[in-house]
Protein backbone atom coordinates (compact mmCIF):
# COMPACT_ATOMS: atom_id res chain seq x y z
CA MET A 1 26.00 -37.22 48.64
CA LYS A 2 26.15 -37.10 44.71
CA GLY A 3 26.12 -39.97 42.31
CA LEU A 4 27.00 -40.51 39.21
CA ILE A 5 25.90 -43.81 36.73
CA VAL A 6 28.11 -44.71 34.12
CA TYR A 7 27.27 -47.79 31.46
CA LYS A 8 28.49 -49.59 28.48
CA GLY A 9 26.04 -52.42 26.97
CA LYS A 10 25.93 -54.09 23.64
CA TYR A 11 22.10 -54.66 23.42
CA GLY A 12 20.23 -52.18 25.21
CA ALA A 13 19.79 -54.42 29.11
CA THR A 14 22.73 -52.29 30.37
CA MET A 15 21.43 -49.14 29.61
CA GLN A 16 17.66 -49.93 30.87
CA TYR A 17 19.06 -51.08 34.33
CA SER A 18 21.16 -47.64 34.51
CA ILE A 19 18.22 -45.47 33.67
CA TRP A 20 15.88 -47.25 36.02
CA LEU A 21 18.62 -46.80 38.57
CA GLY A 22 19.16 -43.15 37.75
CA ALA A 23 15.20 -42.31 38.21
CA ALA A 24 15.00 -44.29 41.33
CA LEU A 25 18.39 -42.79 42.86
CA ASN A 26 17.78 -39.05 41.03
CA CYS A 27 21.55 -39.53 39.63
CA PRO A 28 22.74 -38.30 36.14
CA VAL A 29 23.01 -41.47 33.70
CA VAL A 30 25.72 -41.20 31.19
CA LYS A 31 26.99 -43.78 28.90
CA SER A 32 30.59 -44.23 29.40
CA ASP A 33 31.75 -42.88 25.82
CA PHE A 34 29.97 -39.57 26.80
CA ALA A 35 31.26 -39.39 30.36
CA ARG A 36 33.54 -36.31 31.13
CA PRO A 37 36.16 -36.04 33.47
CA GLU A 38 34.77 -33.34 35.80
CA GLN A 39 31.51 -35.77 36.13
CA ILE A 40 33.89 -38.29 37.50
CA THR A 41 35.87 -36.23 39.88
CA GLN A 42 32.47 -34.36 41.37
CA ALA A 43 30.45 -37.46 42.17
CA ASP A 44 31.01 -38.94 45.38
CA TYR A 45 30.00 -42.59 44.12
CA ILE A 46 30.00 -43.89 40.91
CA MET A 47 27.89 -46.85 39.96
CA ILE A 48 29.26 -48.66 36.96
CA GLY A 49 27.33 -50.82 34.69
CA SER A 50 28.45 -53.26 32.12
CA SER A 51 27.24 -56.48 29.80
CA VAL A 52 29.49 -59.09 29.61
CA TYR A 53 30.40 -59.82 25.89
CA ILE A 54 32.62 -62.85 24.99
CA GLY A 55 33.75 -63.51 28.81
CA GLN A 56 34.81 -59.55 28.96
CA LEU A 57 33.42 -56.71 30.74
CA GLN A 58 32.28 -54.29 28.01
CA ILE A 59 33.62 -51.18 30.17
CA LYS A 60 37.14 -52.75 30.84
CA GLN A 61 39.12 -50.29 28.52
CA TRP A 62 37.01 -47.42 29.99
CA LEU A 63 38.01 -48.38 33.45
CA GLN A 64 41.89 -48.32 32.50
CA THR A 65 41.43 -44.93 30.52
CA ASN A 66 40.21 -43.37 33.55
CA LEU A 67 41.52 -45.37 36.13
CA PRO A 68 43.49 -42.04 38.02
CA LEU A 69 40.01 -40.43 38.42
CA LEU A 70 38.33 -43.61 39.80
CA GLU A 71 40.89 -44.58 42.12
CA GLY A 72 39.87 -43.66 45.81
CA LYS A 73 35.94 -43.55 44.59
CA LYS A 74 33.35 -45.42 46.24
CA LEU A 75 32.19 -47.58 43.29
CA ILE A 76 29.25 -49.76 42.94
CA PHE A 77 29.60 -52.36 39.95
CA PHE A 78 26.45 -53.87 38.44
CA VAL A 79 27.07 -56.86 35.84
CA VAL A 80 24.75 -57.77 33.10
CA ALA A 81 24.94 -61.30 31.99
CA GLY A 82 22.88 -64.09 30.49
CA GLY A 83 23.29 -67.13 31.90
CA VAL A 84 22.18 -68.78 35.12
CA PRO A 85 22.11 -66.48 38.02
CA ASP A 86 23.14 -69.06 40.30
CA LYS A 87 26.87 -68.80 39.82
CA PRO A 88 28.15 -66.03 41.66
CA GLU A 89 31.82 -67.22 40.90
CA GLU A 90 30.93 -66.52 37.12
CA VAL A 91 30.21 -63.01 37.82
CA ARG A 92 33.10 -62.50 40.53
CA SER A 93 35.33 -63.95 37.94
CA TYR A 94 34.52 -61.36 35.10
CA PHE A 95 34.74 -58.45 37.93
CA GLU A 96 38.13 -59.76 38.82
CA LYS A 97 39.41 -60.34 35.52
CA CYS A 98 38.53 -56.88 34.01
CA VAL A 99 38.32 -54.77 36.72
CA PRO A 100 41.92 -53.15 37.86
CA ALA A 101 43.01 -54.43 41.68
CA THR A 102 43.05 -50.67 42.85
CA LEU A 103 39.49 -50.49 42.10
CA ARG A 104 38.44 -53.18 43.49
CA ARG A 105 39.51 -52.18 46.91
CA ASN A 106 36.54 -49.44 47.35
CA ALA A 107 33.99 -51.39 44.99
CA SER A 108 31.23 -53.84 45.36
CA CYS A 109 29.78 -56.25 42.60
CA HIS A 110 26.14 -57.20 41.90
CA TYR A 111 24.80 -59.37 39.06
CA LEU A 112 21.84 -58.64 37.08
CA PRO A 113 20.22 -60.61 34.54
CA GLY A 114 20.51 -59.93 30.74
CA ARG A 115 17.71 -60.45 28.28
CA LEU A 116 18.39 -61.94 24.75
CA ASN A 117 16.44 -60.86 21.63
CA TYR A 118 17.74 -63.13 18.94
CA GLY A 119 16.36 -60.70 16.42
CA LEU A 120 18.80 -57.89 17.34
CA LEU A 121 21.86 -59.81 17.48
CA SER A 122 24.78 -58.71 14.60
CA LEU A 123 25.29 -61.98 12.31
CA LYS A 124 28.32 -62.71 14.12
CA ASP A 125 26.64 -62.58 17.78
CA LYS A 126 24.04 -64.91 16.36
CA LEU A 127 26.90 -67.50 14.90
CA LEU A 128 28.98 -67.30 18.41
CA LEU A 129 26.10 -67.95 20.13
CA ARG A 130 25.04 -71.14 18.40
CA VAL A 131 28.71 -72.20 18.20
CA GLY A 132 28.70 -71.63 21.93
CA ALA A 133 25.27 -73.32 22.47
CA TRP A 134 26.95 -76.06 20.82
CA PHE A 135 29.58 -76.85 22.58
CA ALA A 136 28.00 -76.19 26.19
CA ALA A 137 25.14 -78.90 24.65
CA ARG A 138 28.36 -81.16 23.73
CA LYS A 139 29.52 -81.14 27.19
CA GLY A 140 26.31 -81.65 28.68
CA LYS A 141 25.62 -78.20 30.42
CA LYS A 142 22.28 -77.01 30.91
CA SER A 143 22.74 -73.59 29.73
CA GLY A 144 23.84 -74.64 26.56
CA LEU A 145 20.64 -76.74 26.34
CA ARG A 146 18.57 -73.46 27.64
CA ILE A 147 20.17 -71.67 24.80
CA ILE A 148 19.39 -73.86 22.03
CA THR A 149 15.77 -73.84 23.21
CA MET A 150 15.89 -70.21 23.46
CA LEU A 151 16.98 -70.08 19.93
CA ALA A 152 13.77 -71.67 18.87
CA GLY A 153 11.75 -68.59 20.11
CA ASN A 154 13.47 -65.30 19.46
CA THR A 155 13.22 -63.39 22.89
CA TRP A 156 14.32 -64.70 26.31
CA HIS A 157 13.82 -62.49 29.64
CA PRO A 158 14.80 -64.12 33.17
């Protein structure tokens, strides 16, 4: 059985998981921007990794663009996100919101914890993170308090 791993991330965690999976499964790993149609059509199964950014899967547009090639394939999604891993409904909502229904029929979805390296964030992302943490803390959400605490340090690994 021939596999392919396609990923799209923002700050490196999704790429790292993809590389580890590729080495363990002896599968080619390709960033979504560079995935060729023939690679997709020749694969028996495709593992698709995506980080979450502002409530959306980074790979959403790539899925839409390649929908005809992906339909009918065995798909295994891994969603890389920060936050609390004991909220599977949150990961499920990203999956259902961003993956077309025709692809979800032959797919499974798995959560992998992301990482936060505050020093690598763009100014825009630093501001979004601070504002989001502030709103979450005002609502009394534990994760908001955890994010604010994390900002005191520079790196968080689950």
